[in-house]
Protein backbone atom coordinates (compact mmCIF):
# COMPACT_ATOMS: atom_id res chain seq x y z
CA MET A 1 210.71 358.36 61.52
CA ILE A 2 211.60 355.45 59.24
CA ASP A 3 215.01 353.85 59.79
CA SER A 4 217.74 353.07 57.12
CA VAL A 5 216.71 349.27 56.83
CA GLN A 6 213.06 350.23 56.22
CA ALA A 7 214.09 352.88 53.75
CA LEU A 8 216.64 350.75 51.74
CA GLY A 9 214.15 347.89 51.36
CA PHE A 10 211.48 350.15 50.23
CA LEU A 11 213.87 352.07 47.79
CA ALA A 12 214.93 348.70 46.15
CA ALA A 13 211.35 347.84 45.66
CA ALA A 14 210.34 351.28 44.41
CA MET A 15 213.15 351.35 41.86
CA LEU A 16 212.22 348.14 40.49
CA ILE A 17 208.66 349.26 40.10
CA THR A 18 209.66 352.47 38.53
CA LEU A 19 211.86 350.90 35.93
CA SER A 20 209.39 348.22 34.89
CA PRO A 21 207.41 348.88 31.70
CA GLY A 22 204.46 351.08 32.51
CA PRO A 23 202.42 354.16 31.17
CA ASP A 24 204.61 356.71 32.75
CA ASN A 25 207.92 355.20 31.22
CA LEU A 26 206.31 354.85 27.73
CA MET A 27 204.99 358.41 27.82
CA ILE A 28 208.33 359.80 28.88
CA LEU A 29 210.20 357.71 26.27
CA SER A 30 207.85 358.56 23.43
CA LEU A 31 208.05 362.32 24.37
CA GLY A 32 211.78 362.22 24.75
CA LEU A 33 212.19 360.51 21.41
CA SER A 34 209.86 362.97 19.63
CA ARG A 35 210.68 366.36 21.30
CA GLY A 36 214.24 366.04 22.77
CA ARG A 37 215.87 365.15 26.12
CA ARG A 38 214.79 368.48 27.84
CA SER A 39 211.22 367.88 27.03
CA GLY A 40 211.49 364.36 28.09
CA MET A 41 213.06 365.23 31.35
CA ALA A 42 210.52 367.96 32.11
CA PHE A 43 207.61 365.74 31.50
CA GLY A 44 209.30 362.96 33.42
CA LEU A 45 209.81 365.37 36.38
CA GLY A 46 206.20 366.22 36.32
CA CYS A 47 205.13 362.57 36.22
CA ALA A 48 207.45 362.07 39.26
CA LEU A 49 206.26 364.92 41.39
CA GLY A 50 202.58 363.93 40.58
CA CYS A 51 203.28 361.10 43.03
CA LEU A 52 203.27 363.62 45.88
CA SER A 53 199.46 363.93 45.44
CA HIS A 54 198.94 360.13 45.70
CA THR A 55 201.16 360.15 48.84
CA LEU A 56 198.85 362.84 50.50
CA LEU A 57 195.79 360.91 49.43
CA ALA A 58 197.25 357.64 50.86
CA ALA A 59 198.49 359.28 54.10
CA LEU A 60 195.06 360.82 54.71
CA GLY A 61 193.11 357.73 53.90
CA ILE A 62 191.33 359.51 50.92
CA SER A 63 192.64 356.86 48.44
CA ALA A 64 190.73 354.20 50.27
CA ALA A 65 187.51 356.31 49.85
CA ILE A 66 188.14 356.67 46.15
CA ALA A 67 188.69 352.85 45.78
CA ALA A 68 185.51 352.08 47.53
CA SER A 69 183.35 354.42 45.41
CA PRO A 70 182.70 353.09 41.91
CA LEU A 71 181.29 356.35 40.89
CA LEU A 72 184.33 358.43 41.92
CA PHE A 73 186.80 355.80 40.57
CA THR A 74 185.07 355.65 37.16
CA GLY A 75 184.89 359.49 36.97
CA LEU A 76 188.63 359.75 37.61
CA LYS A 77 189.36 356.94 35.25
CA LEU A 78 187.44 358.55 32.34
CA THR A 79 188.88 361.94 33.03
CA GLY A 80 192.47 360.60 33.08
CA GLY A 81 191.90 358.57 29.94
CA ALA A 82 190.43 361.50 28.02
CA TYR A 83 193.41 363.73 29.00
CA LEU A 84 195.85 361.29 27.65
CA VAL A 85 193.84 360.85 24.40
CA TRP A 86 193.78 364.72 24.17
CA LEU A 87 197.70 364.81 24.56
CA GLY A 88 197.95 362.12 21.88
CA ILE A 89 195.85 364.06 19.38
CA GLY A 90 198.02 367.22 20.07
CA ALA A 91 201.12 365.15 19.37
CA LEU A 92 199.60 363.77 16.13
CA ARG A 93 198.81 367.25 14.84
CA SER A 94 202.39 368.41 15.56
CA ARG A 95 204.54 369.17 12.56
CA GLY A 96 207.61 367.44 14.23
CA ALA A 97 209.98 370.28 13.42
CA MET A 98 213.24 369.06 14.76
CA ARG A 99 216.27 371.24 14.78
CA ILE A 100 219.91 370.25 14.11
CA ASP A 101 220.79 370.38 17.79
CA GLY A 102 218.48 367.55 18.53
CA THR A 103 215.86 369.63 20.26
CA VAL A 104 212.31 370.06 18.91
CA GLY A 105 210.65 373.39 17.77
CA GLY A 106 207.23 373.36 19.23
CA SER A 107 204.67 375.59 20.97
CA GLU A 108 204.91 373.80 24.32
CA SER A 109 207.37 375.14 26.75
CA LEU A 110 209.18 373.05 29.36
CA ALA A 111 206.76 374.44 32.04
CA VAL A 112 203.83 373.31 29.99
CA LEU A 113 205.26 369.80 29.45
CA PHE A 114 206.09 369.66 33.27
CA ARG A 115 202.52 370.60 34.11
CA ARG A 116 201.09 368.08 31.64
CA GLY A 117 203.29 365.23 33.21
CA LEU A 118 202.11 366.31 36.78
CA LEU A 119 198.53 366.25 35.73
CA ALA A 120 198.66 362.96 33.72
CA ASN A 121 200.13 361.26 36.78
CA ALA A 122 197.96 362.94 39.33
CA ILE A 123 194.59 362.03 37.79
CA ASN A 124 195.56 358.52 37.04
CA PRO A 125 193.30 356.30 39.29
CA LYS A 126 195.53 353.30 38.83
CA VAL A 127 198.38 355.20 40.44
CA VAL A 128 195.96 356.03 43.32
CA LEU A 129 195.32 352.34 43.88
CA PHE A 130 198.91 351.42 43.62
CA PHE A 131 200.03 353.92 46.26
CA LEU A 132 197.11 352.67 48.52
CA ALA A 133 198.34 349.04 48.21
CA PHE A 134 202.11 349.44 47.92
CA LEU A 135 203.03 352.04 50.62
CA PRO A 136 201.39 350.53 53.60
CA GLN A 137 203.25 347.20 52.96
CA PHE A 138 206.50 349.00 54.26
CA VAL A 139 204.89 350.68 57.39
CA VAL A 140 206.25 349.07 60.65
CA ALA A 141 203.44 349.03 63.13
CA ASP A 142 205.78 349.25 66.09
CA LYS A 143 206.91 352.72 65.01
CA GLY A 144 203.41 354.12 65.15
CA ASP A 145 201.78 357.01 63.16
CA ALA A 146 201.17 355.06 59.91
CA GLY A 147 200.13 358.20 58.23
CA TRP A 148 203.51 359.85 58.69
CA GLN A 149 205.45 356.75 57.75
CA ILE A 150 203.43 356.73 54.46
CA ALA A 151 204.21 360.28 53.88
CA GLN A 152 207.93 359.69 54.29
CA LEU A 153 207.74 356.48 51.99
CA GLY A 154 205.87 358.47 49.30
CA LEU A 155 208.43 361.21 49.33
CA LEU A 156 211.28 358.70 49.03
CA PHE A 157 209.39 357.10 46.02
CA THR A 158 209.00 360.58 44.44
CA LEU A 159 212.69 361.36 44.76
CA GLN A 160 213.85 358.06 43.23
CA ALA A 161 211.28 358.54 40.39
CA CYS A 162 212.51 362.05 39.61
CA VAL A 163 216.00 360.60 39.17
CA LEU A 164 215.07 357.68 37.08
CA PHE A 165 212.42 359.42 34.97
CA GLY A 166 214.98 362.10 34.41
CA ILE A 167 217.59 359.46 33.25
CA ILE A 168 214.95 357.89 30.94
CA GLY A 169 213.92 361.29 29.36
CA TRP A 170 217.67 362.18 28.82
CA PHE A 171 218.73 358.98 27.07
CA ALA A 172 215.36 358.85 25.00
CA GLY A 173 215.93 362.54 23.95
CA SER A 174 219.50 361.75 23.01
CA LEU A 175 218.30 358.99 20.71
CA GLY A 176 215.57 361.14 19.41
CA GLY A 177 217.84 363.96 18.54
CA TRP A 178 219.98 361.61 16.53
CA LEU A 179 217.15 360.21 14.70
CA GLY A 180 215.69 363.69 14.04
CA ARG A 181 218.82 364.62 12.22
CA HIS A 182 218.11 362.00 9.64
CA GLY A 183 215.31 362.88 7.19
CA ARG A 184 211.67 363.17 8.41
CA ALA A 185 212.28 361.11 11.46
CA GLY A 186 210.98 363.99 13.65
CA LEU A 187 207.65 363.90 12.13
CA TRP A 188 207.15 360.15 12.61
CA LEU A 189 208.49 360.22 16.16
CA ASP A 190 205.72 362.73 16.99
CA ARG A 191 203.24 360.33 15.43
CA LEU A 192 204.59 357.54 17.51
CA ALA A 193 204.36 359.66 20.72
CA GLY A 194 200.79 360.49 19.78
CA GLY A 195 199.95 356.83 19.15
CA VAL A 196 201.35 355.89 22.48
CA PHE A 197 199.47 358.56 24.40
CA ILE A 198 196.12 357.67 22.69
CA ALA A 199 196.53 353.91 23.18
CA LEU A 200 197.21 354.42 26.91
CA GLY A 201 194.43 356.66 27.35
CA LEU A 202 191.93 354.32 25.63
CA LYS A 203 193.21 351.41 27.66
CA LEU A 204 192.61 353.44 30.83
CA ILE A 205 189.00 354.34 29.76
CA VAL A 206 188.09 350.81 28.93
CA ALA A 207 189.90 349.03 31.80
CA ARG A 208 187.89 347.64 34.57
């Protein structure tokens, strides 16, 4: 088992990384602004729990195999990028019908948004490589069973991501709700969200 010193040191680094500007934060912010805080929080929770798949891959050593195979990595990269572009196109086609309570009327349920966040994170190859590089740095060799330590660290990372992504989704949704009660802001916030998703998807596709 990891001890408190090991866990606290890892948690401090994990929180700094989670709060730093990145694709997950941008997607949660843009979705919270355009669809309301419940939607932002649902998507953020999906993104956070997507980290569990990367934890499992890292603990089993599968991430190393993906990183060592250009074909597997490229396939995963193209799939992830195409999925983000698809989400962006869907947001661009939305009517942005925001209600007076600050939530957005749309066809996507919270469960659907949760699954989209889960999948968007789970198939992102850059997150695969990040977990492969980041988690082992906090493994203490003297404790033995590196795979079990990685699993515990990954679970801790996921838990703090759930909290922080939820907070980001809440505040973004609150701001989006206020903006949405003023004119056609809801429509343009959806356009902003769509643009962010498409930009991130294309960046992932062309990145080397």
